[in-house]
Protein backbone atom coordinates (compact mmCIF):
# COMPACT_ATOMS: atom_id res chain seq x y z
CA UNK A 1 0.08 -0.03 0.06
CA UNK A 2 1.28 3.37 -0.78
CA UNK A 3 1.23 5.85 2.00
CA UNK A 4 0.83 9.48 2.11
CA UNK A 5 -0.98 9.39 -1.32
CA UNK A 6 -4.60 10.71 -1.42
CA UNK A 7 -4.95 9.84 -5.15
CA UNK A 8 -7.64 7.69 -5.85
CA UNK A 9 -7.59 4.87 -8.83
CA UNK A 10 -8.06 6.29 -12.29
CA UNK A 11 -7.20 9.89 -11.14
CA UNK A 12 -4.42 11.50 -13.40
CA UNK A 13 -1.39 12.82 -11.50
CA UNK A 14 -0.11 16.11 -12.37
CA UNK A 15 3.28 17.80 -11.59
CA UNK A 16 3.98 21.29 -10.86
CA UNK A 17 6.57 23.12 -12.85
CA UNK A 18 7.90 26.48 -11.62
CA UNK A 19 9.42 27.02 -15.00
CA UNK A 20 6.28 26.14 -16.92
CA UNK A 21 4.29 28.98 -18.31
CA UNK A 22 0.48 29.01 -17.19
CA UNK A 23 -1.84 27.83 -19.72
CA UNK A 24 -5.01 29.74 -20.57
CA UNK A 25 -8.13 27.72 -20.71
CA UNK A 26 -11.22 28.77 -22.77
CA UNK A 27 -14.61 28.62 -21.02
CA UNK A 28 -15.36 24.89 -22.07
CA UNK A 29 -11.83 23.70 -20.97
CA UNK A 30 -12.34 25.48 -17.82
CA UNK A 31 -15.56 23.80 -17.14
CA UNK A 32 -14.37 20.45 -17.98
CA UNK A 33 -11.25 20.93 -15.83
CA UNK A 34 -13.43 21.97 -12.84
CA UNK A 35 -15.76 19.14 -13.30
CA UNK A 36 -12.62 16.54 -13.57
CA UNK A 37 -11.20 18.03 -10.34
CA UNK A 38 -14.67 17.73 -8.62
CA UNK A 39 -15.07 14.19 -9.71
CA UNK A 40 -11.53 13.48 -8.45
CA UNK A 41 -12.36 14.90 -5.18
CA UNK A 42 -15.70 12.91 -4.67
CA UNK A 43 -13.72 9.78 -5.76
CA UNK A 44 -10.91 10.64 -3.22
CA UNK A 45 -13.55 10.87 -0.52
CA UNK A 46 -15.33 7.33 -1.54
CA UNK A 47 -12.08 5.83 -1.79
CA UNK A 48 -10.79 6.68 1.73
CA UNK A 49 -14.36 5.67 3.07
CA UNK A 50 -13.98 2.42 1.02
CA UNK A 51 -10.39 1.85 2.57
CA UNK A 52 -11.62 2.18 5.93
CA UNK A 53 -14.52 -0.24 5.20
CA UNK A 54 -12.09 -2.66 3.76
CA UNK A 55 -10.33 -2.89 7.08
CA UNK A 56 -13.38 -3.61 9.03
CA UNK A 57 -14.86 -6.09 6.51
CA UNK A 58 -11.60 -8.26 6.30
CA UNK A 59 -13.09 -10.80 8.90
CA UNK A 60 -15.64 -11.67 6.26
CA UNK A 61 -13.13 -12.81 3.57
CA UNK A 62 -10.27 -14.06 5.86
CA UNK A 63 -9.48 -17.70 5.07
CA UNK A 64 -9.93 -17.85 1.21
CA UNK A 65 -6.83 -18.41 -0.98
CA UNK A 66 -5.09 -15.29 -1.63
CA UNK A 67 -6.80 -13.31 1.24
CA UNK A 68 -4.69 -14.36 4.12
CA UNK A 69 -3.82 -10.73 5.70
CA UNK A 70 -5.63 -7.44 6.18
CA UNK A 71 -3.12 -5.82 4.19
CA UNK A 72 -3.64 -8.28 1.17
CA UNK A 73 -7.32 -7.53 1.37
CA UNK A 74 -6.76 -3.76 1.36
CA UNK A 75 -4.71 -4.16 -1.80
CA UNK A 76 -7.54 -6.23 -3.35
CA UNK A 77 -10.04 -3.38 -2.61
CA UNK A 78 -7.58 -0.84 -3.92
CA UNK A 79 -7.09 -2.62 -7.04
CA UNK A 80 -10.72 -3.16 -7.57
CA UNK A 81 -11.33 0.61 -7.03
CA UNK A 82 -8.72 1.25 -9.85
CA UNK A 83 -10.67 -1.22 -12.15
CA UNK A 84 -14.02 0.60 -11.26
CA UNK A 85 -12.53 3.94 -12.05
CA UNK A 86 -11.05 3.20 -15.33
CA UNK A 87 -13.45 0.67 -16.60
CA UNK A 88 -11.31 -2.32 -16.31
CA UNK A 89 -13.87 -4.17 -13.83
CA UNK A 90 -16.67 -3.58 -16.32
CA UNK A 91 -14.79 -5.13 -19.39
CA UNK A 92 -13.92 -8.21 -16.96
CA UNK A 93 -17.65 -8.82 -16.56
CA UNK A 94 -18.38 -8.79 -20.09
CA UNK A 95 -17.00 -12.27 -20.19
CA UNK A 96 -14.28 -13.78 -22.35
CA UNK A 97 -12.33 -10.55 -21.91
CA UNK A 98 -8.96 -11.82 -23.51
CA UNK A 99 -11.13 -12.39 -26.41
CA UNK A 100 -12.57 -9.02 -26.97
CA UNK A 101 -11.19 -7.48 -30.13
CA UNK A 102 -9.36 -4.12 -29.73
CA UNK A 103 -12.00 -1.95 -31.56
CA UNK A 104 -14.64 -3.72 -29.18
CA UNK A 105 -12.51 -2.66 -25.82
CA UNK A 106 -12.03 0.78 -27.11
CA UNK A 107 -15.49 1.18 -28.17
CA UNK A 108 -16.79 0.51 -24.55
CA UNK A 109 -14.28 2.51 -22.99
CA UNK A 110 -14.86 5.70 -25.10
CA UNK A 111 -18.46 5.48 -24.64
CA UNK A 112 -18.07 5.10 -20.76
CA UNK A 113 -15.61 8.17 -20.74
CA UNK A 114 -18.13 10.14 -23.02
CA UNK A 115 -21.15 9.21 -20.86
CA UNK A 116 -19.27 10.19 -17.69
CA UNK A 117 -18.37 13.39 -18.94
CA UNK A 118 -21.75 14.31 -20.60
CA UNK A 119 -23.84 13.09 -17.61
CA UNK A 120 -21.47 14.78 -15.14
CA UNK A 121 -21.55 11.45 -13.40
CA UNK A 122 -19.97 11.62 -9.92
CA UNK A 123 -21.99 9.32 -7.66
CA UNK A 124 -21.67 5.29 -7.61
CA UNK A 125 -25.27 5.08 -8.70
CA UNK A 126 -24.83 7.05 -11.98
CA UNK A 127 -21.57 4.93 -12.70
CA UNK A 128 -23.48 1.78 -12.13
CA UNK A 129 -26.29 2.91 -14.61
CA UNK A 130 -23.72 3.81 -17.05
CA UNK A 131 -21.97 0.28 -16.83
CA UNK A 132 -25.39 -1.21 -17.03
CA UNK A 133 -26.19 0.54 -20.29
CA UNK A 134 -22.95 -0.36 -21.62
CA UNK A 135 -23.40 -4.09 -20.86
CA UNK A 136 -26.74 -3.89 -22.60
CA UNK A 137 -24.99 -2.39 -25.63
CA UNK A 138 -21.95 -4.70 -25.51
CA UNK A 139 -24.59 -7.65 -25.58
CA UNK A 140 -26.79 -6.05 -28.25
CA UNK A 141 -23.90 -5.62 -30.56
CA UNK A 142 -22.38 -9.03 -29.84
CA UNK A 143 -25.91 -10.51 -30.91
CA UNK A 144 -26.01 -8.46 -33.90
CA UNK A 145 -22.59 -9.91 -34.87
CA UNK A 146 -23.98 -13.29 -34.59
CA UNK A 147 -26.89 -12.44 -36.79
CA UNK A 148 -24.80 -10.92 -39.41
CA UNK A 149 -22.61 -14.19 -39.51
CA UNK A 150 -25.78 -16.03 -39.77
CA UNK A 151 -26.53 -14.27 -43.07
CA UNK A 152 -23.26 -15.32 -44.48
CA UNK A 153 -24.20 -18.90 -44.13
CA UNK A 154 -27.78 -18.66 -45.34
CA UNK A 155 -27.32 -16.19 -47.99
CA UNK A 156 -23.99 -17.52 -49.35
CA UNK A 157 -24.97 -16.70 -53.01
CA UNK A 158 -25.11 -13.03 -52.03
CA UNK A 159 -21.58 -13.08 -51.25
CA UNK A 160 -20.51 -14.98 -54.60
CA UNK A 161 -20.40 -18.23 -52.70
CA UNK A 162 -22.11 -21.50 -53.67
CA UNK A 163 -25.49 -22.14 -51.96
CA UNK A 164 -25.64 -24.73 -49.17
CA UNK A 165 -27.42 -26.92 -51.55
CA UNK A 166 -24.68 -27.03 -53.85
CA UNK A 167 -22.39 -28.26 -50.91
CA UNK A 168 -24.63 -30.55 -48.87
CA UNK A 169 -27.58 -31.45 -51.14
CA UNK A 170 -31.01 -30.07 -51.20
CA UNK A 171 -32.62 -31.98 -48.23
CA UNK A 172 -29.65 -31.29 -45.98
CA UNK A 173 -29.50 -27.71 -47.07
CA UNK A 174 -33.21 -27.18 -46.31
CA UNK A 175 -32.65 -28.59 -42.89
CA UNK A 176 -29.69 -26.50 -42.04
CA UNK A 177 -31.56 -23.17 -43.23
CA UNK A 178 -34.40 -24.04 -40.94
CA UNK A 179 -32.20 -24.66 -38.01
CA UNK A 180 -30.38 -21.40 -38.91
CA UNK A 181 -33.65 -19.53 -39.14
CA UNK A 182 -34.84 -20.61 -35.81
CA UNK A 183 -31.57 -19.54 -34.21
CA UNK A 184 -31.98 -16.15 -35.73
CA UNK A 185 -35.55 -15.85 -34.26
CA UNK A 186 -34.39 -16.73 -31.16
CA UNK A 187 -31.30 -14.12 -31.26
CA UNK A 188 -33.56 -11.17 -32.38
CA UNK A 189 -35.83 -11.09 -29.14
CA UNK A 190 -32.66 -11.28 -27.04
CA UNK A 191 -31.26 -8.45 -28.82
CA UNK A 192 -34.37 -6.40 -28.28
CA UNK A 193 -34.09 -7.26 -24.54
CA UNK A 194 -30.40 -5.79 -24.48
CA UNK A 195 -31.39 -2.72 -26.20
CA UNK A 196 -34.46 -2.32 -23.62
CA UNK A 197 -31.98 -2.77 -20.91
CA UNK A 198 -29.74 -0.09 -22.37
CA UNK A 199 -32.53 2.62 -22.75
CA UNK A 200 -33.61 1.91 -19.29
CA UNK A 201 -30.17 2.38 -17.94
CA UNK A 202 -29.69 5.67 -20.16
CA UNK A 203 -33.04 7.01 -19.06
CA UNK A 204 -31.82 6.51 -15.40
CA UNK A 205 -29.09 8.88 -15.85
CA UNK A 206 -30.57 11.22 -18.56
């Protein structure tokens, strides 16, 4: 644990330089800087409270592998705070995090940062609502990818490929296409549920 440092996870550290020239900010930049400072102060307070709670809650997790001392538990709490602040915890909960492509990871993080800035989210409830919206969005897009890939199979001729009937025979092709259509019919309602989850979460913070 680092002593004497009040910075919270995700906070951007700054250094003063006596030789540097002062930078003049326009009104938008000044408001953005003030909002960032306010968010950092709020997170500092929340982090100190969380750290104190970690000390008192150690008895409830003492024993499991990897949590053998109060200091280890405090470190876990601090690292989790880091992940909550920078979006790492959200990505870890999307599943198969190591298989997420770079663009998907970047899109989720950029959308999260933009939503936090646009909604001036400073409370835990607002952050949870934003993460909930992004989970709905990520799952909606994941299902869309599946649906799009299904089209590559059922509509091969549109992409210059031989139809299924030419590869497997008419009877087998008909059976495969019926099964694929059934899968698609199941995926679309799930996609709509993800969309509703996203919209409900966005309305909670809008």
